[in-house]
Amino acid sequence: MNNIGDFLRKAREENGLSLKDVQVKTGISNSVLSRIENNKNQSGVNPTVLRSLSKLYGCNLIELFIMAGYLDDEALSSYKQVFHNADLLTDDERKNTQEQIDLFTKGRKKQ
């Protein structure tokens, strides 16, 4: 995949959605989505738009933020190991894991 526009078009098509369907479900106008998919959105893709499309298409928001240039590997390096496969956990498992992390780090200061 060359860019975020191509990725989002493919995700929309794989979900069997038209531009109009996306507009109805997210409030993102046809013209905005078309400009994104055709790589004509010079100002970049709004993070709020990415969040809505991520939910609708069932794709990973972090991956979209990386493609859009909002995050990079350096910014995520300290989280990669901790969150590896975290998307496979249930909400309860995530909550319990966070409680364990909080317990381990209690009283420690960020550097």
PDB file of N, CA and C in Angstrom:
ATOM      1  N   MET A   1       0.846  -1.178   0.000  1.00  0.00           N
ATOM      2  CA  MET A   1       0.000   0.000   0.000  1.00  0.00           C
ATOM      3  C   MET A   1       0.889   1.239   0.000  1.00  0.00           C
ATOM      4  N   ASN A   2       0.708   2.106  -0.968  1.00  0.00           N
ATOM      5  CA  ASN A   2       1.559   3.282  -1.093  1.00  0.00           C
ATOM      6  C   ASN A   2       1.249   4.360  -0.077  1.00  0.00           C
ATOM      7  N   ASN A   3      -0.016   4.588   0.199  1.00  0.00           N
ATOM      8  CA  ASN A   3      -0.371   5.723   1.046  1.00  0.00           C
ATOM      9  C   ASN A   3      -1.705   5.504   1.734  1.00  0.00           C
ATOM     10  N   ILE A   4      -2.032   6.447   2.586  1.00  0.00           N
ATOM     11  CA  ILE A   4      -3.246   6.319   3.390  1.00  0.00           C
ATOM     12  C   ILE A   4      -4.511   6.382   2.529  1.00  0.00           C
ATOM     13  N   GLY A   5      -4.491   7.173   1.457  1.00  0.00           N
ATOM     14  CA  GLY A   5      -5.661   7.258   0.581  1.00  0.00           C
ATOM     15  C   GLY A   5      -5.999   5.917  -0.045  1.00  0.00           C
ATOM     16  N   ASP A   6      -4.980   5.253  -0.570  1.00  0.00           N
ATOM     17  CA  ASP A   6      -5.186   3.927  -1.161  1.00  0.00           C
ATOM     18  C   ASP A   6      -5.669   2.928  -0.108  1.00  0.00           C
ATOM     19  N   PHE A   7      -5.056   2.993   1.072  1.00  0.00           N
ATOM     20  CA  PHE A   7      -5.430   2.075   2.144  1.00  0.00           C
ATOM     21  C   PHE A   7      -6.897   2.261   2.526  1.00  0.00           C
ATOM     22  N   LEU A   8      -7.310   3.523   2.696  1.00  0.00           N
ATOM     23  CA  LEU A   8      -8.690   3.796   3.115  1.00  0.00           C
ATOM     24  C   LEU A   8      -9.700   3.428   2.033  1.00  0.00           C
ATOM     25  N   ARG A   9      -9.360   3.653   0.763  1.00  0.00           N
ATOM     26  CA  ARG A   9     -10.258   3.247  -0.326  1.00  0.00           C
ATOM     27  C   ARG A   9     -10.450   1.732  -0.306  1.00  0.00           C
ATOM     28  N   LYS A  10      -9.337   1.010  -0.176  1.00  0.00           N
ATOM     29  CA  LYS A  10      -9.414  -0.449  -0.156  1.00  0.00           C
ATOM     30  C   LYS A  10     -10.234  -0.934   1.040  1.00  0.00           C
ATOM     31  N   ALA A  11     -10.036  -0.326   2.204  1.00  0.00           N
ATOM     32  CA  ALA A  11     -10.789  -0.719   3.402  1.00  0.00           C
ATOM     33  C   ALA A  11     -12.285  -0.460   3.211  1.00  0.00           C
ATOM     34  N   ARG A  12     -12.618   0.685   2.600  1.00  0.00           N
ATOM     35  CA  ARG A  12     -14.031   1.007   2.348  1.00  0.00           C
ATOM     36  C   ARG A  12     -14.642  -0.015   1.404  1.00  0.00           C
ATOM     37  N   GLU A  13     -13.930  -0.313   0.330  1.00  0.00           N
ATOM     38  CA  GLU A  13     -14.437  -1.264  -0.656  1.00  0.00           C
ATOM     39  C   GLU A  13     -14.557  -2.668  -0.072  1.00  0.00           C
ATOM     40  N   GLU A  14     -13.593  -3.073   0.745  1.00  0.00           N
ATOM     41  CA  GLU A  14     -13.663  -4.394   1.382  1.00  0.00           C
ATOM     42  C   GLU A  14     -14.850  -4.508   2.339  1.00  0.00           C
ATOM     43  N   ASN A  15     -15.291  -3.373   2.877  1.00  0.00           N
ATOM     44  CA  ASN A  15     -16.459  -3.351   3.749  1.00  0.00           C
ATOM     45  C   ASN A  15     -17.756  -3.168   2.961  1.00  0.00           C
ATOM     46  N   GLY A  16     -17.645  -3.113   1.631  1.00  0.00           N
ATOM     47  CA  GLY A  16     -18.818  -2.996   0.773  1.00  0.00           C
ATOM     48  C   GLY A  16     -19.551  -1.672   0.918  1.00  0.00           C
ATOM     49  N   LEU A  17     -18.805  -0.612   1.181  1.00  0.00           N
ATOM     50  CA  LEU A  17     -19.419   0.693   1.416  1.00  0.00           C
ATOM     51  C   LEU A  17     -19.143   1.651   0.272  1.00  0.00           C
ATOM     52  N   SER A  18     -20.141   2.444  -0.059  1.00  0.00           N
ATOM     53  CA  SER A  18     -19.957   3.524  -1.026  1.00  0.00           C
ATOM     54  C   SER A  18     -19.557   4.782  -0.259  1.00  0.00           C
ATOM     55  N   LEU A  19     -19.153   5.806  -1.004  1.00  0.00           N
ATOM     56  CA  LEU A  19     -18.846   7.084  -0.357  1.00  0.00           C
ATOM     57  C   LEU A  19     -20.072   7.611   0.389  1.00  0.00           C
ATOM     58  N   LYS A  20     -21.229   7.447  -0.212  1.00  0.00           N
ATOM     59  CA  LYS A  20     -22.481   7.897   0.419  1.00  0.00           C
ATOM     60  C   LYS A  20     -22.751   7.117   1.710  1.00  0.00           C
ATOM     61  N   ASP A  21     -22.505   5.811   1.705  1.00  0.00           N
ATOM     62  CA  ASP A  21     -22.684   4.999   2.919  1.00  0.00           C
ATOM     63  C   ASP A  21     -21.816   5.537   4.053  1.00  0.00           C
ATOM     64  N   VAL A  22     -20.570   5.853   3.723  1.00  0.00           N
ATOM     65  CA  VAL A  22     -19.642   6.366   4.740  1.00  0.00           C
ATOM     66  C   VAL A  22     -20.136   7.706   5.267  1.00  0.00           C
ATOM     67  N   GLN A  23     -20.627   8.554   4.374  1.00  0.00           N
ATOM     68  CA  GLN A  23     -21.147   9.851   4.802  1.00  0.00           C
ATOM     69  C   GLN A  23     -22.310   9.679   5.773  1.00  0.00           C
ATOM     70  N   VAL A  24     -23.219   8.781   5.451  1.00  0.00           N
ATOM     71  CA  VAL A  24     -24.383   8.555   6.305  1.00  0.00           C
ATOM     72  C   VAL A  24     -23.963   8.021   7.681  1.00  0.00           C
ATOM     73  N   LYS A  25     -23.001   7.115   7.697  1.00  0.00           N
ATOM     74  CA  LYS A  25     -22.604   6.464   8.944  1.00  0.00           C
ATOM     75  C   LYS A  25     -21.651   7.297   9.801  1.00  0.00           C
ATOM     76  N   THR A  26     -20.887   8.214   9.174  1.00  0.00           N
ATOM     77  CA  THR A  26     -19.870   8.958   9.929  1.00  0.00           C
ATOM     78  C   THR A  26     -20.056  10.465   9.916  1.00  0.00           C
ATOM     79  N   GLY A  27     -20.792  10.984   8.945  1.00  0.00           N
ATOM     80  CA  GLY A  27     -20.914  12.429   8.808  1.00  0.00           C
ATOM     81  C   GLY A  27     -19.775  13.043   8.008  1.00  0.00           C
ATOM     82  N   ILE A  28     -18.845  12.220   7.530  1.00  0.00           N
ATOM     83  CA  ILE A  28     -17.743  12.704   6.698  1.00  0.00           C
ATOM     84  C   ILE A  28     -18.275  12.867   5.279  1.00  0.00           C
ATOM     85  N   SER A  29     -18.162  14.059   4.729  1.00  0.00           N
ATOM     86  CA  SER A  29     -18.764  14.312   3.415  1.00  0.00           C
ATOM     87  C   SER A  29     -18.083  13.493   2.327  1.00  0.00           C
ATOM     88  N   ASN A  30     -18.866  13.217   1.286  1.00  0.00           N
ATOM     89  CA  ASN A  30     -18.342  12.494   0.114  1.00  0.00           C
ATOM     90  C   ASN A  30     -17.101  13.181  -0.434  1.00  0.00           C
ATOM     91  N   SER A  31     -17.151  14.509  -0.521  1.00  0.00           N
ATOM     92  CA  SER A  31     -16.039  15.247  -1.133  1.00  0.00           C
ATOM     93  C   SER A  31     -14.769  15.139  -0.293  1.00  0.00           C
ATOM     94  N   VAL A  32     -14.892  15.201   1.033  1.00  0.00           N
ATOM     95  CA  VAL A  32     -13.719  15.062   1.898  1.00  0.00           C
ATOM     96  C   VAL A  32     -13.123  13.670   1.742  1.00  0.00           C
ATOM     97  N   LEU A  33     -13.960  12.657   1.803  1.00  0.00           N
ATOM     98  CA  LEU A  33     -13.469  11.286   1.685  1.00  0.00           C
ATOM     99  C   LEU A  33     -12.856  11.036   0.310  1.00  0.00           C
ATOM    100  N   SER A  34     -13.476  11.561  -0.730  1.00  0.00           N
ATOM    101  CA  SER A  34     -12.950  11.401  -2.081  1.00  0.00           C
ATOM    102  C   SER A  34     -11.574  12.049  -2.209  1.00  0.00           C
ATOM    103  N   ARG A  35     -11.412  13.256  -1.639  1.00  0.00           N
ATOM    104  CA  ARG A  35     -10.103  13.923  -1.688  1.00  0.00           C
ATOM    105  C   ARG A  35      -9.049  13.120  -0.937  1.00  0.00           C
ATOM    106  N   ILE A  36      -9.421  12.536   0.195  1.00  0.00           N
ATOM    107  CA  ILE A  36      -8.478  11.711   0.955  1.00  0.00           C
ATOM    108  C   ILE A  36      -8.074  10.497   0.127  1.00  0.00           C
ATOM    109  N   GLU A  37      -9.066   9.794  -0.398  1.00  0.00           N
ATOM    110  CA  GLU A  37      -8.788   8.569  -1.154  1.00  0.00           C
ATOM    111  C   GLU A  37      -7.998   8.831  -2.429  1.00  0.00           C
ATOM    112  N   ASN A  38      -8.146  10.018  -3.004  1.00  0.00           N
ATOM    113  CA  ASN A  38      -7.429  10.362  -4.226  1.00  0.00           C
ATOM    114  C   ASN A  38      -6.161  11.170  -3.950  1.00  0.00           C
ATOM    115  N   ASN A  39      -5.770  11.196  -2.687  1.00  0.00           N
ATOM    116  CA  ASN A  39      -4.533  11.880  -2.262  1.00  0.00           C
ATOM    117  C   ASN A  39      -4.496  13.343  -2.677  1.00  0.00           C
ATOM    118  N   LYS A  40      -5.653  13.995  -2.615  1.00  0.00           N
ATOM    119  CA  LYS A  40      -5.733  15.410  -2.963  1.00  0.00           C
ATOM    120  C   LYS A  40      -6.029  16.273  -1.741  1.00  0.00           C
ATOM    121  N   ASN A  41      -5.914  15.685  -0.558  1.00  0.00           N
ATOM    122  CA  ASN A  41      -6.156  16.425   0.678  1.00  0.00           C
ATOM    123  C   ASN A  41      -4.824  16.988   1.152  1.00  0.00           C
ATOM    124  N   GLN A  42      -4.475  18.169   0.677  1.00  0.00           N
ATOM    125  CA  GLN A  42      -3.158  18.752   0.906  1.00  0.00           C
ATOM    126  C   GLN A  42      -2.857  19.021   2.379  1.00  0.00           C
ATOM    127  N   SER A  43      -3.866  19.316   3.165  1.00  0.00           N
ATOM    128  CA  SER A  43      -3.628  19.661   4.577  1.00  0.00           C
ATOM    129  C   SER A  43      -3.494  18.436   5.469  1.00  0.00           C
ATOM    130  N   GLY A  44      -3.627  17.247   4.920  1.00  0.00           N
ATOM    131  CA  GLY A  44      -3.552  16.038   5.738  1.00  0.00           C
ATOM    132  C   GLY A  44      -4.919  15.591   6.201  1.00  0.00           C
ATOM    133  N   VAL A  45      -4.950  14.406   6.766  1.00  0.00           N
ATOM    134  CA  VAL A  45      -6.208  13.815   7.201  1.00  0.00           C
ATOM    135  C   VAL A  45      -6.409  14.141   8.678  1.00  0.00           C
ATOM    136  N   ASN A  46      -7.543  14.701   8.996  1.00  0.00           N
ATOM    137  CA  ASN A  46      -7.879  15.057  10.365  1.00  0.00           C
ATOM    138  C   ASN A  46      -7.909  13.806  11.250  1.00  0.00           C
ATOM    139  N   PRO A  47      -7.298  13.858  12.442  1.00  0.00           N
ATOM    140  CA  PRO A  47      -7.314  12.692  13.339  1.00  0.00           C
ATOM    141  C   PRO A  47      -8.724  12.222  13.701  1.00  0.00           C
ATOM    142  N   THR A  48      -9.658  13.147  13.811  1.00  0.00           N
ATOM    143  CA  THR A  48     -11.046  12.776  14.126  1.00  0.00           C
ATOM    144  C   THR A  48     -11.656  11.959  12.988  1.00  0.00           C
ATOM    145  N   VAL A  49     -11.330  12.327  11.758  1.00  0.00           N
ATOM    146  CA  VAL A  49     -11.792  11.579  10.585  1.00  0.00           C
ATOM    147  C   VAL A  49     -11.197  10.175  10.626  1.00  0.00           C
ATOM    148  N   LEU A  50      -9.913  10.091  10.934  1.00  0.00           N
ATOM    149  CA  LEU A  50      -9.268   8.774  11.016  1.00  0.00           C
ATOM    150  C   LEU A  50      -9.918   7.900  12.081  1.00  0.00           C
ATOM    151  N   ARG A  51     -10.255   8.488  13.213  1.00  0.00           N
ATOM    152  CA  ARG A  51     -10.897   7.725  14.289  1.00  0.00           C
ATOM    153  C   ARG A  51     -12.242   7.162  13.816  1.00  0.00           C
ATOM    154  N   SER A  52     -13.033   7.991  13.144  1.00  0.00           N
ATOM    155  CA  SER A  52     -14.337   7.539  12.651  1.00  0.00           C
ATOM    156  C   SER A  52     -14.189   6.429  11.614  1.00  0.00           C
ATOM    157  N   LEU A  53     -13.246   6.602  10.685  1.00  0.00           N
ATOM    158  CA  LEU A  53     -13.046   5.592   9.650  1.00  0.00           C
ATOM    159  C   LEU A  53     -12.498   4.299  10.236  1.00  0.00           C
ATOM    160  N   SER A  54     -11.633   4.414  11.223  1.00  0.00           N
ATOM    161  CA  SER A  54     -11.084   3.231  11.879  1.00  0.00           C
ATOM    162  C   SER A  54     -12.203   2.382  12.489  1.00  0.00           C
ATOM    163  N   LYS A  55     -13.121   3.042  13.164  1.00  0.00           N
ATOM    164  CA  LYS A  55     -14.250   2.324  13.779  1.00  0.00           C
ATOM    165  C   LYS A  55     -15.139   1.693  12.719  1.00  0.00           C
ATOM    166  N   LEU A  56     -15.459   2.461  11.693  1.00  0.00           N
ATOM    167  CA  LEU A  56     -16.366   1.971  10.654  1.00  0.00           C
ATOM    168  C   LEU A  56     -15.744   0.829   9.858  1.00  0.00           C
ATOM    169  N   TYR A  57     -14.473   0.947   9.506  1.00  0.00           N
ATOM    170  CA  TYR A  57     -13.820  -0.045   8.673  1.00  0.00           C
ATOM    171  C   TYR A  57     -13.219  -1.201   9.472  1.00  0.00           C
ATOM    172  N   GLY A  58     -13.131  -1.034  10.784  1.00  0.00           N
ATOM    173  CA  GLY A  58     -12.549  -2.087  11.615  1.00  0.00           C
ATOM    174  C   GLY A  58     -11.044  -2.200  11.433  1.00  0.00           C
ATOM    175  N   CYS A  59     -10.384  -1.063  11.203  1.00  0.00           N
ATOM    176  CA  CYS A  59      -8.923  -1.100  11.060  1.00  0.00           C
ATOM    177  C   CYS A  59      -8.259  -0.416  12.261  1.00  0.00           C
ATOM    178  N   ASN A  60      -6.996  -0.673  12.413  1.00  0.00           N
ATOM    179  CA  ASN A  60      -6.245  -0.219  13.570  1.00  0.00           C
ATOM    180  C   ASN A  60      -5.973   1.283  13.489  1.00  0.00           C
ATOM    181  N   LEU A  61      -6.426   2.016  14.495  1.00  0.00           N
ATOM    182  CA  LEU A  61      -6.268   3.467  14.516  1.00  0.00           C
ATOM    183  C   LEU A  61      -4.799   3.877  14.571  1.00  0.00           C
ATOM    184  N   ILE A  62      -3.997   3.162  15.339  1.00  0.00           N
ATOM    185  CA  ILE A  62      -2.582   3.504  15.444  1.00  0.00           C
ATOM    186  C   ILE A  62      -1.902   3.383  14.073  1.00  0.00           C
ATOM    187  N   GLU A  63      -2.230   2.324  13.336  1.00  0.00           N
ATOM    188  CA  GLU A  63      -1.657   2.172  11.998  1.00  0.00           C
ATOM    189  C   GLU A  63      -2.062   3.331  11.090  1.00  0.00           C
ATOM    190  N   LEU A  64      -3.313   3.791  11.213  1.00  0.00           N
ATOM    191  CA  LEU A  64      -3.752   4.936  10.414  1.00  0.00           C
ATOM    192  C   LEU A  64      -2.988   6.197  10.820  1.00  0.00           C
ATOM    193  N   PHE A  65      -2.793   6.399  12.119  1.00  0.00           N
ATOM    194  CA  PHE A  65      -2.044   7.570  12.584  1.00  0.00           C
ATOM    195  C   PHE A  65      -0.603   7.532  12.078  1.00  0.00           C
ATOM    196  N   ILE A  66      -0.014   6.352  12.012  1.00  0.00           N
ATOM    197  CA  ILE A  66       1.348   6.222  11.488  1.00  0.00           C
ATOM    198  C   ILE A  66       1.359   6.573   9.997  1.00  0.00           C
ATOM    199  N   MET A  67       0.419   6.022   9.232  1.00  0.00           N
ATOM    200  CA  MET A  67       0.350   6.312   7.797  1.00  0.00           C
ATOM    201  C   MET A  67       0.135   7.799   7.526  1.00  0.00           C
ATOM    202  N   ALA A  68      -0.647   8.447   8.396  1.00  0.00           N
ATOM    203  CA  ALA A  68      -0.947   9.867   8.211  1.00  0.00           C
ATOM    204  C   ALA A  68       0.180  10.765   8.720  1.00  0.00           C
ATOM    205  N   GLY A  69       1.163  10.178   9.395  1.00  0.00           N
ATOM    206  CA  GLY A  69       2.292  10.958   9.878  1.00  0.00           C
ATOM    207  C   GLY A  69       2.113  11.553  11.262  1.00  0.00           C
ATOM    208  N   TYR A  70       1.056  11.165  11.970  1.00  0.00           N
ATOM    209  CA  TYR A  70       0.840  11.674  13.327  1.00  0.00           C
ATOM    210  C   TYR A  70       1.709  10.962  14.354  1.00  0.00           C
ATOM    211  N   LEU A  71       2.091   9.739  14.071  1.00  0.00           N
ATOM    212  CA  LEU A  71       2.949   8.953  14.945  1.00  0.00           C
ATOM    213  C   LEU A  71       4.042   8.310  14.110  1.00  0.00           C
ATOM    214  N   ASP A  72       5.155   8.008  14.771  1.00  0.00           N
ATOM    215  CA  ASP A  72       6.214   7.267  14.092  1.00  0.00           C
ATOM    216  C   ASP A  72       6.750   6.192  15.029  1.00  0.00           C
ATOM    217  N   ASP A  73       7.594   5.341  14.496  1.00  0.00           N
ATOM    218  CA  ASP A  73       8.121   4.235  15.286  1.00  0.00           C
ATOM    219  C   ASP A  73       8.858   4.713  16.529  1.00  0.00           C
ATOM    220  N   GLU A  74       9.562   5.827  16.425  1.00  0.00           N
ATOM    221  CA  GLU A  74      10.287   6.352  17.585  1.00  0.00           C
ATOM    222  C   GLU A  74       9.323   6.724  18.701  1.00  0.00           C
ATOM    223  N   ALA A  75       8.207   7.369  18.352  1.00  0.00           N
ATOM    224  CA  ALA A  75       7.221   7.762  19.357  1.00  0.00           C
ATOM    225  C   ALA A  75       6.575   6.551  20.022  1.00  0.00           C
ATOM    226  N   LEU A  76       6.506   5.448  19.308  1.00  0.00           N
ATOM    227  CA  LEU A  76       5.835   4.260  19.816  1.00  0.00           C
ATOM    228  C   LEU A  76       6.773   3.216  20.414  1.00  0.00           C
ATOM    229  N   SER A  77       8.078   3.437  20.348  1.00  0.00           N
ATOM    230  CA  SER A  77       9.037   2.400  20.724  1.00  0.00           C
ATOM    231  C   SER A  77       8.853   1.875  22.137  1.00  0.00           C
ATOM    232  N   SER A  78       8.531   2.731  23.091  1.00  0.00           N
ATOM    233  CA  SER A  78       8.394   2.264  24.472  1.00  0.00           C
ATOM    234  C   SER A  78       7.089   1.493  24.702  1.00  0.00           C
ATOM    235  N   TYR A  79       6.175   1.566  23.769  1.00  0.00           N
ATOM    236  CA  TYR A  79       4.892   0.888  23.927  1.00  0.00           C
ATOM    237  C   TYR A  79       4.802  -0.433  23.175  1.00  0.00           C
ATOM    238  N   LYS A  80       5.680  -0.650  22.215  1.00  0.00           N
ATOM    239  CA  LYS A  80       5.561  -1.815  21.340  1.00  0.00           C
ATOM    240  C   LYS A  80       5.535  -3.135  22.096  1.00  0.00           C
ATOM    241  N   GLN A  81       6.469  -3.351  22.991  1.00  0.00           N
ATOM    242  CA  GLN A  81       6.526  -4.618  23.707  1.00  0.00           C
ATOM    243  C   GLN A  81       5.347  -4.765  24.667  1.00  0.00           C
ATOM    244  N   VAL A  82       5.033  -3.702  25.380  1.00  0.00           N
ATOM    245  CA  VAL A  82       3.957  -3.765  26.371  1.00  0.00           C
ATOM    246  C   VAL A  82       2.617  -4.076  25.718  1.00  0.00           C
ATOM    247  N   PHE A  83       2.372  -3.504  24.562  1.00  0.00           N
ATOM    248  CA  PHE A  83       1.057  -3.649  23.949  1.00  0.00           C
ATOM    249  C   PHE A  83       1.007  -4.666  22.818  1.00  0.00           C
ATOM    250  N   HIS A  84       2.064  -5.434  22.650  1.00  0.00           N
ATOM    251  CA  HIS A  84       2.070  -6.469  21.625  1.00  0.00           C
ATOM    252  C   HIS A  84       0.898  -7.425  21.868  1.00  0.00           C
ATOM    253  N   ASN A  85       0.019  -7.559  20.906  1.00  0.00           N
ATOM    254  CA  ASN A  85      -1.180  -8.413  20.946  1.00  0.00           C
ATOM    255  C   ASN A  85      -2.235  -7.949  21.951  1.00  0.00           C
ATOM    256  N   ALA A  86      -2.133  -6.719  22.454  1.00  0.00           N
ATOM    257  CA  ALA A  86      -3.128  -6.213  23.402  1.00  0.00           C
ATOM    258  C   ALA A  86      -4.521  -6.157  22.776  1.00  0.00           C
ATOM    259  N   ASP A  87      -4.592  -6.042  21.464  1.00  0.00           N
ATOM    260  CA  ASP A  87      -5.884  -5.994  20.790  1.00  0.00           C
ATOM    261  C   ASP A  87      -6.641  -7.318  20.882  1.00  0.00           C
ATOM    262  N   LEU A  88      -5.961  -8.375  21.313  1.00  0.00           N
ATOM    263  CA  LEU A  88      -6.612  -9.681  21.471  1.00  0.00           C
ATOM    264  C   LEU A  88      -7.274  -9.842  22.836  1.00  0.00           C
ATOM    265  N   LEU A  89      -7.023  -8.890  23.745  1.00  0.00           N
ATOM    266  CA  LEU A  89      -7.573  -8.971  25.097  1.00  0.00           C
ATOM    267  C   LEU A  89      -9.009  -8.455  25.142  1.00  0.00           C
ATOM    268  N   THR A  90      -9.776  -8.998  26.080  1.00  0.00           N
ATOM    269  CA  THR A  90     -11.119  -8.477  26.322  1.00  0.00           C
ATOM    270  C   THR A  90     -10.992  -7.189  27.133  1.00  0.00           C
ATOM    271  N   ASP A  91     -12.082  -6.447  27.252  1.00  0.00           N
ATOM    272  CA  ASP A  91     -12.061  -5.226  28.056  1.00  0.00           C
ATOM    273  C   ASP A  91     -11.680  -5.518  29.504  1.00  0.00           C
ATOM    274  N   ASP A  92     -12.217  -6.595  30.067  1.00  0.00           N
ATOM    275  CA  ASP A  92     -11.878  -6.962  31.447  1.00  0.00           C
ATOM    276  C   ASP A  92     -10.399  -7.311  31.582  1.00  0.00           C
ATOM    277  N   GLU A  93      -9.870  -8.026  30.605  1.00  0.00           N
ATOM    278  CA  GLU A  93      -8.448  -8.384  30.642  1.00  0.00           C
ATOM    279  C   GLU A  93      -7.572  -7.137  30.547  1.00  0.00           C
ATOM    280  N   ARG A  94      -7.973  -6.175  29.721  1.00  0.00           N
ATOM    281  CA  ARG A  94      -7.220  -4.921  29.621  1.00  0.00           C
ATOM    282  C   ARG A  94      -7.243  -4.172  30.945  1.00  0.00           C
ATOM    283  N   LYS A  95      -8.410  -4.131  31.557  1.00  0.00           N
ATOM    284  CA  LYS A  95      -8.543  -3.438  32.847  1.00  0.00           C
ATOM    285  C   LYS A  95      -7.656  -4.106  33.888  1.00  0.00           C
ATOM    286  N   ASN A  96      -7.702  -5.424  33.956  1.00  0.00           N
ATOM    287  CA  ASN A  96      -6.882  -6.153  34.930  1.00  0.00           C
ATOM    288  C   ASN A  96      -5.395  -5.959  34.666  1.00  0.00           C
ATOM    289  N   THR A  97      -5.016  -5.953  33.404  1.00  0.00           N
ATOM    290  CA  THR A  97      -3.609  -5.738  33.050  1.00  0.00           C
ATOM    291  C   THR A  97      -3.166  -4.341  33.457  1.00  0.00           C
ATOM    292  N   GLN A  98      -4.009  -3.344  33.211  1.00  0.00           N
ATOM    293  CA  GLN A  98      -3.657  -1.977  33.600  1.00  0.00           C
ATOM    294  C   GLN A  98      -3.521  -1.869  35.113  1.00  0.00           C
ATOM    295  N   GLU A  99      -4.373  -2.554  35.863  1.00  0.00           N
ATOM    296  CA  GLU A  99      -4.262  -2.545  37.323  1.00  0.00           C
ATOM    297  C   GLU A  99      -2.930  -3.141  37.770  1.00  0.00           C
ATOM    298  N   GLN A 100      -2.467  -4.191  37.077  1.00  0.00           N
ATOM    299  CA  GLN A 100      -1.179  -4.793  37.404  1.00  0.00           C
ATOM    300  C   GLN A 100      -0.027  -3.833  37.083  1.00  0.00           C
ATOM    301  N   ILE A 101      -0.107  -3.160  35.958  1.00  0.00           N
ATOM    302  CA  ILE A 101       0.922  -2.179  35.597  1.00  0.00           C
ATOM    303  C   ILE A 101       0.960  -1.070  36.640  1.00  0.00           C
ATOM    304  N   ASP A 102      -0.216  -0.592  37.041  1.00  0.00           N
ATOM    305  CA  ASP A 102      -0.282   0.459  38.065  1.00  0.00           C
ATOM    306  C   ASP A 102       0.347  -0.006  39.373  1.00  0.00           C
ATOM    307  N   LEU A 103       0.111  -1.258  39.738  1.00  0.00           N
ATOM    308  CA  LEU A 103       0.682  -1.817  40.958  1.00  0.00           C
ATOM    309  C   LEU A 103       2.213  -1.877  40.865  1.00  0.00           C
ATOM    310  N   PHE A 104       2.719  -2.364  39.736  1.00  0.00           N
ATOM    311  CA  PHE A 104       4.172  -2.469  39.551  1.00  0.00           C
ATOM    312  C   PHE A 104       4.865  -1.104  39.563  1.00  0.00           C
ATOM    313  N   THR A 105       4.191  -0.091  39.061  1.00  0.00           N
ATOM    314  CA  THR A 105       4.833   1.215  38.906  1.00  0.00           C
ATOM    315  C   THR A 105       4.468   2.208  40.005  1.00  0.00           C
ATOM    316  N   LYS A 106       3.724   1.789  40.982  1.00  0.00           N
ATOM    317  CA  LYS A 106       3.281   2.674  42.063  1.00  0.00           C
ATOM    318  C   LYS A 106       4.505   3.316  42.734  1.00  0.00           C
ATOM    319  N   GLY A 107       4.468   4.608  42.836  1.00  0.00           N
ATOM    320  CA  GLY A 107       5.544   5.352  43.489  1.00  0.00           C
ATOM    321  C   GLY A 107       6.721   5.690  42.599  1.00  0.00           C
ATOM    322  N   ARG A 108       6.742   5.190  41.395  1.00  0.00           N
ATOM    323  CA  ARG A 108       7.835   5.508  40.469  1.00  0.00           C
ATOM    324  C   ARG A 108       7.522   6.809  39.737  1.00  0.00           C
ATOM    325  N   LYS A 109       8.562   7.510  39.415  1.00  0.00           N
ATOM    326  CA  LYS A 109       8.414   8.769  38.678  1.00  0.00           C
ATOM    327  C   LYS A 109       8.833   8.551  37.230  1.00  0.00           C
ATOM    328  N   LYS A 110       8.168   9.260  36.339  1.00  0.00           N
ATOM    329  CA  LYS A 110       8.574   9.220  34.926  1.00  0.00           C
ATOM    330  C   LYS A 110       9.860  10.002  34.772  1.00  0.00           C
ATOM    331  N   GLN A 111      10.713   9.514  33.910  1.00  0.00           N
ATOM    332  CA  GLN A 111      12.001  10.188  33.686  1.00  0.00           C
ATOM    333  C   GLN A 111      11.936  11.078  32.490  1.00  0.00           C
TER     334      GLN A 111
END
